[in-house]
Amino acid sequence: MSGYGCKPICCPPQYCVRDSYYQRAIPVIHPVVTINRQNIIDVPQHYYQPISRNVVVNQGFQGQGYSAQGFLGRGYRM
């Protein structure tokens, strides 16, 4: 001990902490839901139905002065 006849004072220890960090992979799952929509849109589709009709035209009496080109047309002579 020391030569002074006193007891030495012992202080509590001081700690110096050296932190170090290391990476560790932790899986984080993010669910993604894909929704496939089928939207129905009404689109008119036109159909044409041909109809034939027979029409009889009575042109009356075709005398002189009337030709196929019309009344008093080129076929008329005076």
C-alpha atoms as a PDB file:
ATOM      1  CA  MET A   1       0.000   0.000   0.000  1.00  0.00           C
ATOM      2  CA  SER A   2       0.981   3.516   0.044  1.00  0.00           C
ATOM      3  CA  GLY A   3       3.221   5.080   2.581  1.00  0.00           C
ATOM      4  CA  TYR A   4       0.723   7.664   3.665  1.00  0.00           C
ATOM      5  CA  GLY A   5      -1.245   5.379   5.926  1.00  0.00           C
ATOM      6  CA  CYS A   6      -4.466   6.042   4.096  1.00  0.00           C
ATOM      7  CA  LYS A   7      -6.567   3.581   2.290  1.00  0.00           C
ATOM      8  CA  PRO A   8      -6.709   4.209  -1.440  1.00  0.00           C
ATOM      9  CA  ILE A   9     -10.016   5.221  -2.931  1.00  0.00           C
ATOM     10  CA  CYS A  10     -11.188   2.831  -5.567  1.00  0.00           C
ATOM     11  CA  CYS A  11     -13.629   4.409  -8.026  1.00  0.00           C
ATOM     12  CA  PRO A  12     -16.192   2.311  -9.860  1.00  0.00           C
ATOM     13  CA  PRO A  13     -15.054   1.286 -13.356  1.00  0.00           C
ATOM     14  CA  GLN A  14     -15.944   3.376 -16.355  1.00  0.00           C
ATOM     15  CA  TYR A  15     -17.109   1.594 -19.434  1.00  0.00           C
ATOM     16  CA  CYS A  16     -16.351   2.570 -22.979  1.00  0.00           C
ATOM     17  CA  VAL A  17     -18.803   0.778 -25.247  1.00  0.00           C
ATOM     18  CA  ARG A  18     -17.915   0.366 -28.896  1.00  0.00           C
ATOM     19  CA  ASP A  19     -21.094  -0.425 -30.784  1.00  0.00           C
ATOM     20  CA  SER A  20     -20.841  -2.136 -34.146  1.00  0.00           C
ATOM     21  CA  TYR A  21     -23.761  -2.900 -36.424  1.00  0.00           C
ATOM     22  CA  TYR A  22     -24.299  -5.780 -38.790  1.00  0.00           C
ATOM     23  CA  GLN A  23     -27.051  -6.200 -41.327  1.00  0.00           C
ATOM     24  CA  ARG A  24     -29.383  -9.127 -41.132  1.00  0.00           C
ATOM     25  CA  ALA A  25     -31.987  -9.655 -43.866  1.00  0.00           C
ATOM     26  CA  ILE A  26     -35.520  -9.979 -42.568  1.00  0.00           C
ATOM     27  CA  PRO A  27     -38.110 -10.973 -45.200  1.00  0.00           C
ATOM     28  CA  VAL A  28     -40.994  -8.499 -45.467  1.00  0.00           C
ATOM     29  CA  ILE A  29     -43.743  -9.880 -47.686  1.00  0.00           C
ATOM     30  CA  HIS A  30     -46.000  -7.477 -49.609  1.00  0.00           C
ATOM     31  CA  PRO A  31     -48.886  -9.344 -51.272  1.00  0.00           C
ATOM     32  CA  VAL A  32     -49.957  -7.905 -54.639  1.00  0.00           C
ATOM     33  CA  VAL A  33     -53.348  -8.990 -55.974  1.00  0.00           C
ATOM     34  CA  THR A  34     -53.931  -8.654 -59.733  1.00  0.00           C
ATOM     35  CA  ILE A  35     -57.586  -8.394 -60.726  1.00  0.00           C
ATOM     36  CA  ASN A  36     -58.379  -9.101 -64.374  1.00  0.00           C
ATOM     37  CA  ARG A  37     -61.615  -7.301 -65.193  1.00  0.00           C
ATOM     38  CA  GLN A  38     -63.697  -8.061 -68.242  1.00  0.00           C
ATOM     39  CA  ASN A  39     -65.966  -5.108 -68.906  1.00  0.00           C
ATOM     40  CA  ILE A  40     -68.820  -5.838 -71.308  1.00  0.00           C
ATOM     41  CA  ILE A  41     -69.738  -2.959 -73.632  1.00  0.00           C
ATOM     42  CA  ASP A  42     -72.804  -3.191 -75.875  1.00  0.00           C
ATOM     43  CA  VAL A  43     -71.928  -2.342 -79.477  1.00  0.00           C
ATOM     44  CA  PRO A  44     -74.726  -2.213 -82.066  1.00  0.00           C
ATOM     45  CA  GLN A  45     -74.200  -4.554 -84.978  1.00  0.00           C
ATOM     46  CA  HIS A  46     -76.412  -3.641 -87.913  1.00  0.00           C
ATOM     47  CA  TYR A  47     -77.842  -6.229 -90.289  1.00  0.00           C
ATOM     48  CA  TYR A  48     -79.568  -5.224 -93.510  1.00  0.00           C
ATOM     49  CA  GLN A  49     -82.249  -7.470 -94.934  1.00  0.00           C
ATOM     50  CA  PRO A  50     -82.862  -6.881 -98.624  1.00  0.00           C
ATOM     51  CA  ILE A  51     -86.482  -7.012 -99.723  1.00  0.00           C
ATOM     52  CA  SER A  52     -87.561  -7.279-103.373  1.00  0.00           C
ATOM     53  CA  ARG A  53     -90.973  -6.105-104.521  1.00  0.00           C
ATOM     54  CA  ASN A  54     -92.532  -6.426-107.929  1.00  0.00           C
ATOM     55  CA  VAL A  55     -94.437  -3.307-108.865  1.00  0.00           C
ATOM     56  CA  VAL A  56     -96.606  -3.125-111.971  1.00  0.00           C
ATOM     57  CA  VAL A  57     -96.812   0.362-113.449  1.00  0.00           C
ATOM     58  CA  ASN A  58     -99.709   0.958-115.853  1.00  0.00           C
ATOM     59  CA  GLN A  59     -98.507   3.645-118.222  1.00  0.00           C
ATOM     60  CA  GLY A  60    -101.813   3.789-120.013  1.00  0.00           C
ATOM     61  CA  PHE A  61    -102.225   4.192-123.761  1.00  0.00           C
ATOM     62  CA  GLN A  62     -99.013   4.823-125.699  1.00  0.00           C
ATOM     63  CA  GLY A  63    -100.091   6.485-128.892  1.00  0.00           C
ATOM     64  CA  GLN A  64     -98.251   8.775-131.259  1.00  0.00           C
ATOM     65  CA  GLY A  65     -96.177  11.446-129.683  1.00  0.00           C
ATOM     66  CA  TYR A  66     -94.873   9.262-126.900  1.00  0.00           C
ATOM     67  CA  SER A  67     -91.653   7.347-127.056  1.00  0.00           C
ATOM     68  CA  ALA A  68     -89.357   5.644-124.610  1.00  0.00           C
ATOM     69  CA  GLN A  69     -87.571   8.966-124.073  1.00  0.00           C
ATOM     70  CA  GLY A  70     -90.686  10.627-122.718  1.00  0.00           C
ATOM     71  CA  PHE A  71     -93.753  12.444-123.930  1.00  0.00           C
ATOM     72  CA  LEU A  72     -92.926  14.605-126.947  1.00  0.00           C
ATOM     73  CA  GLY A  73     -89.316  13.528-126.678  1.00  0.00           C
ATOM     74  CA  ARG A  74     -86.884  12.741-129.466  1.00  0.00           C
ATOM     75  CA  GLY A  75     -89.096  10.063-130.924  1.00  0.00           C
ATOM     76  CA  TYR A  76     -91.890  12.562-131.789  1.00  0.00           C
ATOM     77  CA  ARG A  77     -92.183  13.836-135.374  1.00  0.00           C
ATOM     78  CA  MET A  78     -94.472  16.491-136.688  1.00  0.00           C
END
